[in-house]
PDB file of all heavy atoms in Angstrom:
ATOM      1  N   HIS A   1       0.857  -1.189   0.000  1.00  0.00           N
ATOM      2  CA  HIS A   1       0.000   0.000   0.000  1.00  0.00           C
ATOM      3  C   HIS A   1       0.895   1.242   0.000  1.00  0.00           C
ATOM      4  O   HIS A   1       1.208   1.791   1.062  1.00  0.00           O
ATOM      5  CB  HIS A   1      -0.914  -0.005   1.227  1.00  0.00           C
ATOM      6  CG  HIS A   1      -1.710  -1.262   1.388  1.00  0.00           C
ATOM      7  ND1 HIS A   1      -2.873  -1.508   0.686  1.00  0.00           N
ATOM      8  CD2 HIS A   1      -1.499  -2.362   2.164  1.00  0.00           C
ATOM      9  CE1 HIS A   1      -3.358  -2.690   1.031  1.00  0.00           C
ATOM     10  NE2 HIS A   1      -2.540  -3.227   1.913  1.00  0.00           N
ATOM     11  N   PRO A   2       1.316   1.714  -1.177  1.00  0.00           N
ATOM     12  CA  PRO A   2       2.249   2.854  -1.244  1.00  0.00           C
ATOM     13  C   PRO A   2       1.729   4.107  -0.551  1.00  0.00           C
ATOM     14  O   PRO A   2       2.529   4.928  -0.090  1.00  0.00           O
ATOM     15  CB  PRO A   2       2.400   3.082  -2.756  1.00  0.00           C
ATOM     16  CG  PRO A   2       2.106   1.751  -3.371  1.00  0.00           C
ATOM     17  CD  PRO A   2       1.033   1.144  -2.507  1.00  0.00           C
ATOM     18  N   ALA A   3       0.421   4.268  -0.486  1.00  0.00           N
ATOM     19  CA  ALA A   3      -0.146   5.457   0.168  1.00  0.00           C
ATOM     20  C   ALA A   3      -0.476   5.196   1.638  1.00  0.00           C
ATOM     21  O   ALA A   3      -1.281   5.921   2.237  1.00  0.00           O
ATOM     22  CB  ALA A   3      -1.406   5.910  -0.581  1.00  0.00           C
ATOM     23  N   LEU A   4       0.155   4.189   2.216  1.00  0.00           N
ATOM     24  CA  LEU A   4      -0.099   3.801   3.604  1.00  0.00           C
ATOM     25  C   LEU A   4       0.051   4.987   4.548  1.00  0.00           C
ATOM     26  O   LEU A   4       1.033   5.729   4.492  1.00  0.00           O
ATOM     27  CB  LEU A   4       0.879   2.698   4.021  1.00  0.00           C
ATOM     28  CG  LEU A   4       0.670   2.088   5.414  1.00  0.00           C
ATOM     29  CD1 LEU A   4      -0.546   1.161   5.411  1.00  0.00           C
ATOM     30  CD2 LEU A   4       1.915   1.325   5.854  1.00  0.00           C
ATOM     31  N   ARG A   5      -0.928   5.159   5.417  1.00  0.00           N
ATOM     32  CA  ARG A   5      -0.917   6.256   6.376  1.00  0.00           C
ATOM     33  C   ARG A   5      -0.606   5.709   7.770  1.00  0.00           C
ATOM     34  O   ARG A   5      -1.375   4.926   8.314  1.00  0.00           O
ATOM     35  CB  ARG A   5      -2.268   6.972   6.377  1.00  0.00           C
ATOM     36  CG  ARG A   5      -2.679   7.540   5.016  1.00  0.00           C
ATOM     37  CD  ARG A   5      -4.135   7.945   5.020  1.00  0.00           C
ATOM     38  NE  ARG A   5      -5.005   6.809   5.332  1.00  0.00           N
ATOM     39  CZ  ARG A   5      -6.317   6.914   5.555  1.00  0.00           C
ATOM     40  NH1 ARG A   5      -6.906   8.096   5.528  1.00  0.00           N
ATOM     41  NH2 ARG A   5      -7.037   5.833   5.834  1.00  0.00           N
ATOM     42  N   ILE A   6       0.527   6.106   8.316  1.00  0.00           N
ATOM     43  CA  ILE A   6       0.955   5.683   9.647  1.00  0.00           C
ATOM     44  C   ILE A   6       1.093   6.903  10.535  1.00  0.00           C
ATOM     45  O   ILE A   6       1.669   7.919  10.121  1.00  0.00           O
ATOM     46  CB  ILE A   6       2.303   4.936   9.607  1.00  0.00           C
ATOM     47  CG1 ILE A   6       2.231   3.706   8.706  1.00  0.00           C
ATOM     48  CG2 ILE A   6       2.722   4.521  11.019  1.00  0.00           C
ATOM     49  CD1 ILE A   6       3.556   2.970   8.578  1.00  0.00           C
ATOM     50  N   THR A   7       0.589   6.809  11.757  1.00  0.00           N
ATOM     51  CA  THR A   7       0.829   7.867  12.727  1.00  0.00           C
ATOM     52  C   THR A   7       1.200   7.237  14.061  1.00  0.00           C
ATOM     53  O   THR A   7       1.034   6.021  14.253  1.00  0.00           O
ATOM     54  CB  THR A   7      -0.416   8.776  12.892  1.00  0.00           C
ATOM     55  OG1 THR A   7      -0.027   9.960  13.599  1.00  0.00           O
ATOM     56  CG2 THR A   7      -1.526   8.077  13.663  1.00  0.00           C
ATOM     57  N   GLU A   8       1.716   8.045  14.967  1.00  0.00           N
ATOM     58  CA  GLU A   8       2.098   7.579  16.292  1.00  0.00           C
ATOM     59  C   GLU A   8       1.460   8.465  17.357  1.00  0.00           C
ATOM     60  O   GLU A   8       1.330   9.680  17.167  1.00  0.00           O
ATOM     61  CB  GLU A   8       3.619   7.596  16.455  1.00  0.00           C
ATOM     62  CG  GLU A   8       4.342   6.644  15.517  1.00  0.00           C
ATOM     63  CD  GLU A   8       5.851   6.753  15.642  1.00  0.00           C
ATOM     64  OE1 GLU A   8       6.426   7.626  14.953  1.00  0.00           O
ATOM     65  OE2 GLU A   8       6.445   5.974  16.403  1.00  0.00           O
ATOM     66  N   VAL A   9       1.096   7.857  18.465  1.00  0.00           N
ATOM     67  CA  VAL A   9       0.630   8.615  19.625  1.00  0.00           C
ATOM     68  C   VAL A   9       1.527   8.225  20.802  1.00  0.00           C
ATOM     69  O   VAL A   9       1.969   7.082  20.911  1.00  0.00           O
ATOM     70  CB  VAL A   9      -0.856   8.319  19.951  1.00  0.00           C
ATOM     71  CG1 VAL A   9      -1.751   8.734  18.793  1.00  0.00           C
ATOM     72  CG2 VAL A   9      -1.073   6.833  20.276  1.00  0.00           C
ATOM     73  N   PRO A  10       1.841   9.167  21.672  1.00  0.00           N
ATOM     74  CA  PRO A  10       2.777   8.872  22.767  1.00  0.00           C
ATOM     75  C   PRO A  10       2.173   7.963  23.828  1.00  0.00           C
ATOM     76  O   PRO A  10       0.991   8.101  24.183  1.00  0.00           O
ATOM     77  CB  PRO A  10       3.095  10.258  23.339  1.00  0.00           C
ATOM     78  CG  PRO A  10       1.894  11.085  23.006  1.00  0.00           C
ATOM     79  CD  PRO A  10       1.396  10.580  21.681  1.00  0.00           C
ATOM     80  N   ILE A  11       2.971   7.015  24.303  1.00  0.00           N
ATOM     81  CA  ILE A  11       2.574   6.142  25.403  1.00  0.00           C
ATOM     82  C   ILE A  11       3.739   6.022  26.378  1.00  0.00           C
ATOM     83  O   ILE A  11       4.881   6.344  26.052  1.00  0.00           O
ATOM     84  CB  ILE A  11       2.187   4.729  24.929  1.00  0.00           C
ATOM     85  CG1 ILE A  11       3.423   4.008  24.342  1.00  0.00           C
ATOM     86  CG2 ILE A  11       1.049   4.766  23.926  1.00  0.00           C
ATOM     87  CD1 ILE A  11       3.291   2.504  24.280  1.00  0.00           C
ATOM     88  N   THR A  12       3.431   5.549  27.563  1.00  0.00           N
ATOM     89  CA  THR A  12       4.461   5.115  28.501  1.00  0.00           C
ATOM     90  C   THR A  12       4.483   3.600  28.492  1.00  0.00           C
ATOM     91  O   THR A  12       3.482   2.955  28.791  1.00  0.00           O
ATOM     92  CB  THR A  12       4.188   5.625  29.925  1.00  0.00           C
ATOM     93  OG1 THR A  12       4.263   7.054  29.940  1.00  0.00           O
ATOM     94  CG2 THR A  12       5.214   5.067  30.904  1.00  0.00           C
ATOM     95  N   PHE A  13       5.614   3.040  28.090  1.00  0.00           N
ATOM     96  CA  PHE A  13       5.789   1.598  28.051  1.00  0.00           C
ATOM     97  C   PHE A  13       6.226   1.147  29.442  1.00  0.00           C
ATOM     98  O   PHE A  13       7.341   1.423  29.884  1.00  0.00           O
ATOM     99  CB  PHE A  13       6.840   1.233  27.004  1.00  0.00           C
ATOM    100  CG  PHE A  13       6.981  -0.243  26.744  1.00  0.00           C
ATOM    101  CD1 PHE A  13       6.220  -0.865  25.767  1.00  0.00           C
ATOM    102  CD2 PHE A  13       7.882  -1.003  27.479  1.00  0.00           C
ATOM    103  CE1 PHE A  13       6.355  -2.219  25.517  1.00  0.00           C
ATOM    104  CE2 PHE A  13       8.025  -2.357  27.240  1.00  0.00           C
ATOM    105  CZ  PHE A  13       7.257  -2.973  26.254  1.00  0.00           C
ATOM    106  N   GLY A  14       5.335   0.478  30.159  1.00  0.00           N
ATOM    107  CA  GLY A  14       5.608   0.119  31.542  1.00  0.00           C
ATOM    108  C   GLY A  14       6.407  -1.159  31.699  1.00  0.00           C
ATOM    109  O   GLY A  14       6.616  -1.912  30.746  1.00  0.00           O
ATOM    110  N   ARG A  15       6.844  -1.394  32.895  1.00  0.00           N
ATOM    111  CA  ARG A  15       7.544  -2.643  33.202  1.00  0.00           C
ATOM    112  C   ARG A  15       6.547  -3.786  33.321  1.00  0.00           C
ATOM    113  O   ARG A  15       5.375  -3.577  33.638  1.00  0.00           O
ATOM    114  CB  ARG A  15       8.322  -2.511  34.520  1.00  0.00           C
ATOM    115  CG  ARG A  15       9.547  -1.613  34.426  1.00  0.00           C
ATOM    116  CD  ARG A  15      10.305  -1.610  35.734  1.00  0.00           C
ATOM    117  NE  ARG A  15      11.505  -0.796  35.664  1.00  0.00           N
ATOM    118  CZ  ARG A  15      12.693  -1.250  35.278  1.00  0.00           C
ATOM    119  NH1 ARG A  15      12.824  -2.523  34.933  1.00  0.00           N
ATOM    120  NH2 ARG A  15      13.740  -0.439  35.235  1.00  0.00           N
ATOM    121  N   ARG A  16       7.028  -4.983  33.041  1.00  0.00           N
ATOM    122  CA  ARG A  16       6.210  -6.187  33.204  1.00  0.00           C
ATOM    123  C   ARG A  16       5.656  -6.226  34.620  1.00  0.00           C
ATOM    124  O   ARG A  16       6.376  -5.990  35.588  1.00  0.00           O
ATOM    125  CB  ARG A  16       7.074  -7.412  32.921  1.00  0.00           C
ATOM    126  CG  ARG A  16       6.528  -8.729  33.425  1.00  0.00           C
ATOM    127  CD  ARG A  16       7.418  -9.887  33.019  1.00  0.00           C
ATOM    128  NE  ARG A  16       7.226 -10.189  31.600  1.00  0.00           N
ATOM    129  CZ  ARG A  16       6.243 -10.934  31.132  1.00  0.00           C
ATOM    130  NH1 ARG A  16       5.358 -11.462  31.966  1.00  0.00           N
ATOM    131  NH2 ARG A  16       6.128 -11.172  29.839  1.00  0.00           N
ATOM    132  N   LYS A  17       4.371  -6.551  34.746  1.00  0.00           N
ATOM    133  CA  LYS A  17       3.724  -6.541  36.058  1.00  0.00           C
ATOM    134  C   LYS A  17       3.977  -7.824  36.842  1.00  0.00           C
ATOM    135  O   LYS A  17       4.062  -7.819  38.065  1.00  0.00           O
ATOM    136  CB  LYS A  17       2.213  -6.338  35.887  1.00  0.00           C
ATOM    137  CG  LYS A  17       1.857  -5.020  35.181  1.00  0.00           C
ATOM    138  CD  LYS A  17       2.427  -3.823  35.934  1.00  0.00           C
ATOM    139  CE  LYS A  17       2.026  -2.504  35.293  1.00  0.00           C
ATOM    140  NZ  LYS A  17       2.740  -2.227  34.023  1.00  0.00           N
ATOM    141  N   ALA A  18       4.077  -8.973  36.153  1.00  0.00           N
ATOM    142  CA  ALA A  18       4.315 -10.258  36.828  1.00  0.00           C
ATOM    143  C   ALA A  18       4.915 -11.228  35.823  1.00  0.00           C
ATOM    144  O   ALA A  18       4.824 -11.029  34.603  1.00  0.00           O
ATOM    145  CB  ALA A  18       3.005 -10.816  37.398  1.00  0.00           C
ATOM    146  N   GLY A  19       5.558 -12.294  36.320  1.00  0.00           N
ATOM    147  CA  GLY A  19       6.110 -13.317  35.437  1.00  0.00           C
ATOM    148  C   GLY A  19       7.432 -12.908  34.820  1.00  0.00           C
ATOM    149  O   GLY A  19       8.022 -11.878  35.164  1.00  0.00           O
ATOM    150  N   GLU A  20       7.889 -13.731  33.851  1.00  0.00           N
ATOM    151  CA  GLU A  20       9.181 -13.515  33.217  1.00  0.00           C
ATOM    152  C   GLU A  20       8.999 -13.193  31.739  1.00  0.00           C
ATOM    153  O   GLU A  20       8.094 -13.697  31.093  1.00  0.00           O
ATOM    154  CB  GLU A  20      10.059 -14.765  33.353  1.00  0.00           C
ATOM    155  CG  GLU A  20      10.408 -15.126  34.794  1.00  0.00           C
ATOM    156  CD  GLU A  20      11.300 -16.350  34.879  1.00  0.00           C
ATOM    157  OE1 GLU A  20      11.595 -16.927  33.802  1.00  0.00           O
ATOM    158  OE2 GLU A  20      11.687 -16.716  35.992  1.00  0.00           O
ATOM    159  N   SER A  21       9.905 -12.362  31.218  1.00  0.00           N
ATOM    160  CA  SER A  21       9.862 -12.014  29.810  1.00  0.00           C
ATOM    161  C   SER A  21      10.146 -13.232  28.948  1.00  0.00           C
ATOM    162  O   SER A  21      10.977 -14.074  29.286  1.00  0.00           O
ATOM    163  CB  SER A  21      10.891 -10.919  29.507  1.00  0.00           C
ATOM    164  OG  SER A  21      10.940 -10.661  28.126  1.00  0.00           O
ATOM    165  N   LYS A  22       9.443 -13.311  27.802  1.00  0.00           N
ATOM    166  CA  LYS A  22       9.667 -14.408  26.853  1.00  0.00           C
ATOM    167  C   LYS A  22      10.674 -14.014  25.779  1.00  0.00           C
ATOM    168  O   LYS A  22      11.003 -14.800  24.910  1.00  0.00           O
ATOM    169  CB  LYS A  22       8.342 -14.805  26.187  1.00  0.00           C
ATOM    170  CG  LYS A  22       7.175 -14.992  27.157  1.00  0.00           C
ATOM    171  CD  LYS A  22       7.477 -15.973  28.267  1.00  0.00           C
ATOM    172  CE  LYS A  22       6.262 -16.236  29.152  1.00  0.00           C
ATOM    173  NZ  LYS A  22       5.773 -15.058  29.882  1.00  0.00           N
ATOM    174  N   ARG A  23      11.147 -12.763  25.819  1.00  0.00           N
ATOM    175  CA  ARG A  23      12.066 -12.259  24.806  1.00  0.00           C
ATOM    176  C   ARG A  23      13.496 -12.411  25.289  1.00  0.00           C
ATOM    177  O   ARG A  23      13.892 -11.792  26.263  1.00  0.00           O
ATOM    178  CB  ARG A  23      11.753 -10.793  24.497  1.00  0.00           C
ATOM    179  CG  ARG A  23      12.589 -10.200  23.400  1.00  0.00           C
ATOM    180  CD  ARG A  23      12.131  -8.801  23.032  1.00  0.00           C
ATOM    181  NE  ARG A  23      10.789  -8.798  22.466  1.00  0.00           N
ATOM    182  CZ  ARG A  23      10.246  -7.742  21.869  1.00  0.00           C
ATOM    183  NH1 ARG A  23      10.917  -6.620  21.787  1.00  0.00           N
ATOM    184  NH2 ARG A  23       9.026  -7.814  21.384  1.00  0.00           N
ATOM    185  N   LYS A  24      14.276 -13.241  24.621  1.00  0.00           N
ATOM    186  CA  LYS A  24      15.663 -13.487  24.977  1.00  0.00           C
ATOM    187  C   LYS A  24      16.565 -12.552  24.173  1.00  0.00           C
ATOM    188  O   LYS A  24      16.424 -12.435  22.956  1.00  0.00           O
ATOM    189  CB  LYS A  24      16.049 -14.947  24.710  1.00  0.00           C
ATOM    190  CG  LYS A  24      15.101 -15.947  25.372  1.00  0.00           C
ATOM    191  CD  LYS A  24      15.034 -15.761  26.880  1.00  0.00           C
ATOM    192  CE  LYS A  24      14.098 -16.775  27.532  1.00  0.00           C
ATOM    193  NZ  LYS A  24      13.952 -16.547  28.986  1.00  0.00           N
ATOM    194  N   LEU A  25      17.521 -11.903  24.840  1.00  0.00           N
ATOM    195  CA  LEU A  25      18.284 -10.836  24.207  1.00  0.00           C
ATOM    196  C   LEU A  25      19.077 -11.310  22.988  1.00  0.00           C
ATOM    197  O   LEU A  25      19.077 -10.644  21.955  1.00  0.00           O
ATOM    198  CB  LEU A  25      19.235 -10.204  25.230  1.00  0.00           C
ATOM    199  CG  LEU A  25      18.569  -9.361  26.315  1.00  0.00           C
ATOM    200  CD1 LEU A  25      19.627  -8.786  27.244  1.00  0.00           C
ATOM    201  CD2 LEU A  25      17.740  -8.243  25.717  1.00  0.00           C
ATOM    202  N   VAL A  26      19.767 -12.451  23.083  1.00  0.00           N
ATOM    203  CA  VAL A  26      20.582 -12.914  21.962  1.00  0.00           C
ATOM    204  C   VAL A  26      19.694 -13.268  20.772  1.00  0.00           C
ATOM    205  O   VAL A  26      19.947 -12.867  19.634  1.00  0.00           O
ATOM    206  CB  VAL A  26      21.444 -14.125  22.372  1.00  0.00           C
ATOM    207  CG1 VAL A  26      22.173 -14.685  21.153  1.00  0.00           C
ATOM    208  CG2 VAL A  26      22.444 -13.717  23.457  1.00  0.00           C
ATOM    209  N   ARG A  27      18.624 -14.008  21.052  1.00  0.00           N
ATOM    210  CA  ARG A  27      17.689 -14.367  19.991  1.00  0.00           C
ATOM    211  C   ARG A  27      17.018 -13.133  19.413  1.00  0.00           C
ATOM    212  O   ARG A  27      16.766 -13.028  18.214  1.00  0.00           O
ATOM    213  CB  ARG A  27      16.641 -15.332  20.545  1.00  0.00           C
ATOM    214  CG  ARG A  27      15.703 -15.911  19.502  1.00  0.00           C
ATOM    215  CD  ARG A  27      14.745 -16.876  20.157  1.00  0.00           C
ATOM    216  NE  ARG A  27      13.828 -17.443  19.191  1.00  0.00           N
ATOM    217  CZ  ARG A  27      12.841 -18.263  19.502  1.00  0.00           C
ATOM    218  NH1 ARG A  27      12.665 -18.613  20.769  1.00  0.00           N
ATOM    219  NH2 ARG A  27      12.043 -18.734  18.574  1.00  0.00           N
ATOM    220  N   PHE A  28      16.732 -12.197  20.282  1.00  0.00           N
ATOM    221  CA  PHE A  28      16.133 -10.912  19.890  1.00  0.00           C
ATOM    222  C   PHE A  28      17.014 -10.232  18.845  1.00  0.00           C
ATOM    223  O   PHE A  28      16.545  -9.798  17.787  1.00  0.00           O
ATOM    224  CB  PHE A  28      16.007 -10.062  21.152  1.00  0.00           C
ATOM    225  CG  PHE A  28      15.558  -8.643  20.958  1.00  0.00           C
ATOM    226  CD1 PHE A  28      14.214  -8.324  20.921  1.00  0.00           C
ATOM    227  CD2 PHE A  28      16.489  -7.628  20.865  1.00  0.00           C
ATOM    228  CE1 PHE A  28      13.798  -7.008  20.774  1.00  0.00           C
ATOM    229  CE2 PHE A  28      16.079  -6.306  20.720  1.00  0.00           C
ATOM    230  CZ  PHE A  28      14.730  -6.000  20.672  1.00  0.00           C
ATOM    231  N   ALA A  29      18.315 -10.152  19.103  1.00  0.00           N
ATOM    232  CA  ALA A  29      19.232  -9.460  18.204  1.00  0.00           C
ATOM    233  C   ALA A  29      19.403 -10.199  16.884  1.00  0.00           C
ATOM    234  O   ALA A  29      19.290  -9.613  15.804  1.00  0.00           O
ATOM    235  CB  ALA A  29      20.591  -9.288  18.892  1.00  0.00           C
ATOM    236  N   PHE A  30      19.671 -11.503  16.936  1.00  0.00           N
ATOM    237  CA  PHE A  30      19.908 -12.254  15.710  1.00  0.00           C
ATOM    238  C   PHE A  30      18.638 -12.401  14.878  1.00  0.00           C
ATOM    239  O   PHE A  30      18.696 -12.483  13.663  1.00  0.00           O
ATOM    240  CB  PHE A  30      20.497 -13.624  16.037  1.00  0.00           C
ATOM    241  CG  PHE A  30      21.971 -13.568  16.353  1.00  0.00           C
ATOM    242  CD1 PHE A  30      22.418 -13.634  17.657  1.00  0.00           C
ATOM    243  CD2 PHE A  30      22.903 -13.418  15.343  1.00  0.00           C
ATOM    244  CE1 PHE A  30      23.774 -13.561  17.954  1.00  0.00           C
ATOM    245  CE2 PHE A  30      24.252 -13.348  15.620  1.00  0.00           C
ATOM    246  CZ  PHE A  30      24.694 -13.421  16.939  1.00  0.00           C
ATOM    247  N   GLY A  31      17.485 -12.439  15.532  1.00  0.00           N
ATOM    248  CA  GLY A  31      16.236 -12.498  14.788  1.00  0.00           C
ATOM    249  C   GLY A  31      16.062 -11.284  13.901  1.00  0.00           C
ATOM    250  O   GLY A  31      15.615 -11.390  12.751  1.00  0.00           O
ATOM    251  N   TYR A  32      16.440 -10.105  14.391  1.00  0.00           N
ATOM    252  CA  TYR A  32      16.318  -8.897  13.593  1.00  0.00           C
ATOM    253  C   TYR A  32      17.326  -8.871  12.459  1.00  0.00           C
ATOM    254  O   TYR A  32      17.030  -8.369  11.371  1.00  0.00           O
ATOM    255  CB  TYR A  32      16.473  -7.664  14.480  1.00  0.00           C
ATOM    256  CG  TYR A  32      15.240  -7.364  15.276  1.00  0.00           C
ATOM    257  CD1 TYR A  32      15.282  -7.273  16.663  1.00  0.00           C
ATOM    258  CD2 TYR A  32      14.014  -7.178  14.647  1.00  0.00           C
ATOM    259  CE1 TYR A  32      14.130  -7.003  17.399  1.00  0.00           C
ATOM    260  CE2 TYR A  32      12.862  -6.919  15.363  1.00  0.00           C
ATOM    261  CZ  TYR A  32      12.936  -6.829  16.738  1.00  0.00           C
ATOM    262  OH  TYR A  32      11.793  -6.573  17.463  1.00  0.00           O
ATOM    263  N   LEU A  33      18.512  -9.412  12.666  1.00  0.00           N
ATOM    264  CA  LEU A  33      19.497  -9.470  11.587  1.00  0.00           C
ATOM    265  C   LEU A  33      18.998 -10.348  10.453  1.00  0.00           C
ATOM    266  O   LEU A  33      19.111  -9.998   9.272  1.00  0.00           O
ATOM    267  CB  LEU A  33      20.834  -9.993  12.126  1.00  0.00           C
ATOM    268  CG  LEU A  33      21.591  -9.079  13.089  1.00  0.00           C
ATOM    269  CD1 LEU A  33      22.833  -9.789  13.619  1.00  0.00           C
ATOM    270  CD2 LEU A  33      21.976  -7.777  12.395  1.00  0.00           C
ATOM    271  N   GLU A  34      18.431 -11.506  10.792  1.00  0.00           N
ATOM    272  CA  GLU A  34      17.889 -12.410   9.780  1.00  0.00           C
ATOM    273  C   GLU A  34      16.707 -11.779   9.051  1.00  0.00           C
ATOM    274  O   GLU A  34      16.576 -11.874   7.829  1.00  0.00           O
ATOM    275  CB  GLU A  34      17.460 -13.728  10.432  1.00  0.00           C
ATOM    276  CG  GLU A  34      18.619 -14.526  10.992  1.00  0.00           C
ATOM    277  CD  GLU A  34      18.158 -15.724  11.809  1.00  0.00           C
ATOM    278  OE1 GLU A  34      16.925 -15.915  11.924  1.00  0.00           O
ATOM    279  OE2 GLU A  34      19.025 -16.460  12.319  1.00  0.00           O
ATOM    280  N   THR A  35      15.830 -11.127   9.819  1.00  0.00           N
ATOM    281  CA  THR A  35      14.675 -10.485   9.207  1.00  0.00           C
ATOM    282  C   THR A  35      15.101  -9.358   8.282  1.00  0.00           C
ATOM    283  O   THR A  35      14.525  -9.176   7.196  1.00  0.00           O
ATOM    284  CB  THR A  35      13.743  -9.930  10.293  1.00  0.00           C
ATOM    285  OG1 THR A  35      13.269 -11.012  11.085  1.00  0.00           O
ATOM    286  CG2 THR A  35      12.545  -9.216   9.685  1.00  0.00           C
ATOM    287  N   LEU A  36      16.095  -8.580   8.680  1.00  0.00           N
ATOM    288  CA  LEU A  36      16.588  -7.483   7.852  1.00  0.00           C
ATOM    289  C   LEU A  36      17.037  -8.003   6.492  1.00  0.00           C
ATOM    290  O   LEU A  36      16.685  -7.435   5.447  1.00  0.00           O
ATOM    291  CB  LEU A  36      17.735  -6.767   8.565  1.00  0.00           C
ATOM    292  CG  LEU A  36      18.368  -5.594   7.808  1.00  0.00           C
ATOM    293  CD1 LEU A  36      17.351  -4.494   7.587  1.00  0.00           C
ATOM    294  CD2 LEU A  36      19.573  -5.072   8.580  1.00  0.00           C
TER     295      LEU A  36
END
């Protein structure tokens, strides 16, 4: 969609309230390299 309309509104991204994150830092980084 070349005419795609994207906007942003400000939020506060809070800390996890309970439990453990499922996002692993090493996998997080290499996943983006592969996707790129």
